């Protein structure tokens, strides 16, 4: 049984999905007050193994009207604000492709596989495995990892490369991921 991500072979056919590694989700001064420093370090380590890196970013405009997600989460990841920018420590030079999500003010997408053409794009890459990390558990990375399994991919989620929302029941989040077929590595001790 794989317990640590370094126990698997990362190749260029490995697709690494980095979900919302943006300041609003990774910095204590961001909208959600999450300290994602360790997660960003781990994401950079995985990227150094040279997988194919696909990022998704929340991109929620105020015009023509405020994004629907603001009702639940408050204003975040607004284009042109610092909160929408990648974490300053993220090695953006290793990103191959970026997908924006939540650009339609009436469409509240959490699962990256719901982005138009996203699943088709990943299937074209024909990955040997998919690794999902980023921010913030139990929402976007969790849902994306579960959909990756449904799409037929061997899917890993390295816990130490993910930011976790405050008040998250960590045990429950891990159980839900594993029940869905996601291989959760680097679990908290």
Protein backbone atom coordinates (compact mmCIF):
# COMPACT_ATOMS: atom_id res chain seq x y z
CA UNK A 1 0.00 0.00 0.00
CA UNK A 2 1.36 3.41 -0.98
CA UNK A 3 1.63 5.71 2.02
CA UNK A 4 3.99 8.39 0.73
CA UNK A 5 3.83 10.10 -2.64
CA UNK A 6 7.57 9.55 -3.13
CA UNK A 7 6.79 5.82 -3.38
CA UNK A 8 5.26 6.32 -6.84
CA UNK A 9 7.04 6.99 -10.09
CA UNK A 10 6.27 10.46 -11.45
CA UNK A 11 6.79 10.71 -15.21
CA UNK A 12 5.93 13.23 -17.91
CA UNK A 13 2.75 11.16 -18.43
CA UNK A 14 1.75 11.92 -14.84
CA UNK A 15 -0.74 14.77 -14.78
CA UNK A 16 -0.48 16.99 -11.72
CA UNK A 17 -3.61 19.05 -11.06
CA UNK A 18 -2.81 22.05 -8.87
CA UNK A 19 -6.12 23.42 -7.65
CA UNK A 20 -6.47 27.09 -6.71
CA UNK A 21 -2.96 27.76 -5.39
CA UNK A 22 -3.97 31.41 -5.10
CA UNK A 23 -3.25 33.90 -2.34
CA UNK A 24 -6.86 33.99 -1.12
CA UNK A 25 -6.53 30.24 -0.40
CA UNK A 26 -2.86 29.90 0.62
CA UNK A 27 -1.86 32.87 2.75
CA UNK A 28 -2.94 33.93 6.25
CA UNK A 29 -3.74 37.40 4.84
CA UNK A 30 -5.88 35.91 2.04
CA UNK A 31 -9.66 35.75 2.19
CA UNK A 32 -9.74 32.36 3.95
CA UNK A 33 -6.83 32.94 6.34
CA UNK A 34 -5.11 29.65 5.45
CA UNK A 35 -1.39 29.19 5.98
CA UNK A 36 -0.48 27.14 2.91
CA UNK A 37 3.30 27.52 3.09
CA UNK A 38 3.93 23.79 3.63
CA UNK A 39 1.46 22.81 0.90
CA UNK A 40 3.12 25.14 -1.62
CA UNK A 41 6.56 23.71 -0.76
CA UNK A 42 5.22 20.19 -1.35
CA UNK A 43 3.53 21.22 -4.61
CA UNK A 44 6.87 22.64 -5.82
CA UNK A 45 8.63 19.36 -4.90
CA UNK A 46 6.10 17.38 -6.94
CA UNK A 47 6.45 19.77 -9.88
CA UNK A 48 10.23 19.31 -9.73
CA UNK A 49 9.62 15.67 -10.71
CA UNK A 50 8.48 17.05 -14.09
CA UNK A 51 4.90 15.82 -14.38
CA UNK A 52 2.56 17.60 -16.80
CA UNK A 53 1.21 20.45 -14.63
CA UNK A 54 -2.35 21.72 -15.05
CA UNK A 55 -3.55 24.47 -12.75
CA UNK A 56 -7.04 25.71 -12.10
CA UNK A 57 -7.74 29.15 -10.70
CA UNK A 58 -10.91 30.67 -9.32
CA UNK A 59 -11.68 33.72 -11.45
CA UNK A 60 -14.73 35.49 -10.06
CA UNK A 61 -15.66 38.82 -11.59
CA UNK A 62 -17.75 41.58 -10.06
CA UNK A 63 -19.20 42.51 -13.46
CA UNK A 64 -21.76 42.28 -14.98
CA UNK A 65 -22.79 41.15 -11.47
CA UNK A 66 -21.04 39.63 -8.45
CA UNK A 67 -20.25 35.92 -8.69
CA UNK A 68 -22.81 33.60 -7.09
CA UNK A 69 -20.16 32.04 -4.80
CA UNK A 70 -19.78 35.35 -2.97
CA UNK A 71 -23.11 34.67 -1.22
CA UNK A 72 -21.61 31.65 0.54
CA UNK A 73 -17.90 32.42 0.75
CA UNK A 74 -17.65 36.20 0.49
CA UNK A 75 -15.75 38.04 -2.23
CA UNK A 76 -12.61 36.15 -3.31
CA UNK A 77 -10.32 35.57 -6.31
CA UNK A 78 -11.49 38.69 -8.13
CA UNK A 79 -9.37 39.36 -11.25
CA UNK A 80 -7.02 42.27 -10.68
CA UNK A 81 -6.76 41.71 -6.92
CA UNK A 82 -3.81 40.19 -5.08
CA UNK A 83 -6.03 37.37 -3.79
CA UNK A 84 -6.54 36.04 -7.33
CA UNK A 85 -2.78 35.81 -7.97
CA UNK A 86 -0.80 32.60 -7.59
CA UNK A 87 0.92 32.14 -4.24
CA UNK A 88 4.23 34.03 -4.56
CA UNK A 89 6.22 30.91 -3.61
CA UNK A 90 4.58 28.70 -6.27
CA UNK A 91 7.02 27.71 -9.03
CA UNK A 92 4.85 29.05 -11.87
CA UNK A 93 7.58 28.35 -14.43
CA UNK A 94 6.63 24.66 -14.28
CA UNK A 95 2.95 25.20 -15.18
CA UNK A 96 2.01 23.77 -18.57
CA UNK A 97 -1.66 24.80 -18.81
CA UNK A 98 -4.04 26.94 -16.75
CA UNK A 99 -7.82 26.67 -16.63
CA UNK A 100 -9.96 29.43 -15.14
CA UNK A 101 -13.14 28.41 -13.34
CA UNK A 102 -16.08 30.36 -12.08
CA UNK A 103 -15.89 32.92 -14.88
CA UNK A 104 -19.68 32.76 -15.37
CA UNK A 105 -21.25 34.77 -12.51
CA UNK A 106 -24.13 32.27 -12.27
CA UNK A 107 -22.00 29.11 -12.30
CA UNK A 108 -20.48 28.02 -9.00
CA UNK A 109 -17.94 25.35 -9.98
CA UNK A 110 -15.96 23.57 -7.26
CA UNK A 111 -14.98 20.41 -9.15
CA UNK A 112 -12.44 21.19 -11.87
CA UNK A 113 -13.84 18.35 -13.99
CA UNK A 114 -16.96 20.53 -14.41
CA UNK A 115 -14.94 23.18 -16.29
CA UNK A 116 -15.91 22.99 -19.99
CA UNK A 117 -13.47 20.76 -21.91
CA UNK A 118 -11.38 20.00 -18.82
CA UNK A 119 -12.05 16.26 -18.68
CA UNK A 120 -11.61 15.90 -22.44
CA UNK A 121 -8.28 17.72 -22.21
CA UNK A 122 -7.01 15.45 -19.43
CA UNK A 123 -8.10 12.36 -21.39
CA UNK A 124 -6.18 13.60 -24.45
CA UNK A 125 -3.05 13.71 -22.27
CA UNK A 126 -3.58 9.98 -21.59
CA UNK A 127 -2.05 10.10 -18.09
CA UNK A 128 -0.54 7.09 -16.35
CA UNK A 129 -1.80 8.63 -13.12
CA UNK A 130 -3.31 11.88 -11.83
CA UNK A 131 -2.13 13.70 -8.72
CA UNK A 132 -4.42 16.33 -7.21
CA UNK A 133 -3.28 18.98 -4.70
CA UNK A 134 -3.98 22.57 -3.78
CA UNK A 135 -6.66 24.42 -1.90
CA UNK A 136 -8.85 23.88 -0.05
CA UNK A 137 -9.89 20.55 1.44
CA UNK A 138 -12.73 19.44 1.73
CA UNK A 139 -14.00 21.39 -1.27
CA UNK A 140 -12.23 21.88 -4.63
CA UNK A 141 -9.29 19.42 -4.46
CA UNK A 142 -11.49 16.73 -2.87
CA UNK A 143 -14.25 17.01 -5.45
CA UNK A 144 -11.74 17.17 -8.30
CA UNK A 145 -9.91 14.05 -7.06
CA UNK A 146 -13.18 12.12 -6.73
CA UNK A 147 -14.19 13.09 -10.28
CA UNK A 148 -10.77 12.06 -11.53
CA UNK A 149 -11.47 8.55 -10.23
CA UNK A 150 -14.91 8.55 -11.88
CA UNK A 151 -13.23 9.57 -15.15
CA UNK A 152 -11.14 6.40 -14.90
CA UNK A 153 -7.80 7.74 -13.69
CA UNK A 154 -5.59 6.27 -10.97
CA UNK A 155 -5.75 9.25 -8.64
CA UNK A 156 -3.54 10.33 -5.76
CA UNK A 157 -4.03 13.16 -3.29
CA UNK A 158 -0.93 13.97 -1.20
CA UNK A 159 -2.43 15.42 1.98
CA UNK A 160 0.66 17.50 2.80
CA UNK A 161 0.36 19.27 -0.58
CA UNK A 162 -3.16 20.48 0.22
CA UNK A 163 -4.51 23.39 2.22
CA UNK A 164 -7.31 22.55 4.63
CA UNK A 165 -10.23 24.81 5.49
CA UNK A 166 -10.59 25.72 9.17
CA UNK A 167 -12.96 23.47 11.14
CA UNK A 168 -12.60 20.60 8.65
CA UNK A 169 -13.14 17.12 10.07
CA UNK A 170 -9.89 15.69 8.70
CA UNK A 171 -10.74 12.06 9.43
CA UNK A 172 -14.09 12.36 7.68
CA UNK A 173 -12.53 14.13 4.67
CA UNK A 174 -9.94 11.36 4.25
CA UNK A 175 -12.55 8.60 4.60
CA UNK A 176 -14.75 10.24 1.93
CA UNK A 177 -11.82 10.49 -0.47
CA UNK A 178 -10.74 6.90 0.08
CA UNK A 179 -14.28 5.56 -0.25
CA UNK A 180 -14.43 7.31 -3.62
CA UNK A 181 -11.26 5.49 -4.70
CA UNK A 182 -8.73 8.29 -4.23
CA UNK A 183 -5.34 7.14 -2.90
CA UNK A 184 -4.57 9.59 -0.08
CA UNK A 185 -0.85 9.76 0.70
CA UNK A 186 1.19 11.65 3.29
CA UNK A 187 -1.72 11.60 5.74
CA UNK A 188 -1.42 13.53 8.98
CA UNK A 189 -0.05 11.45 11.84
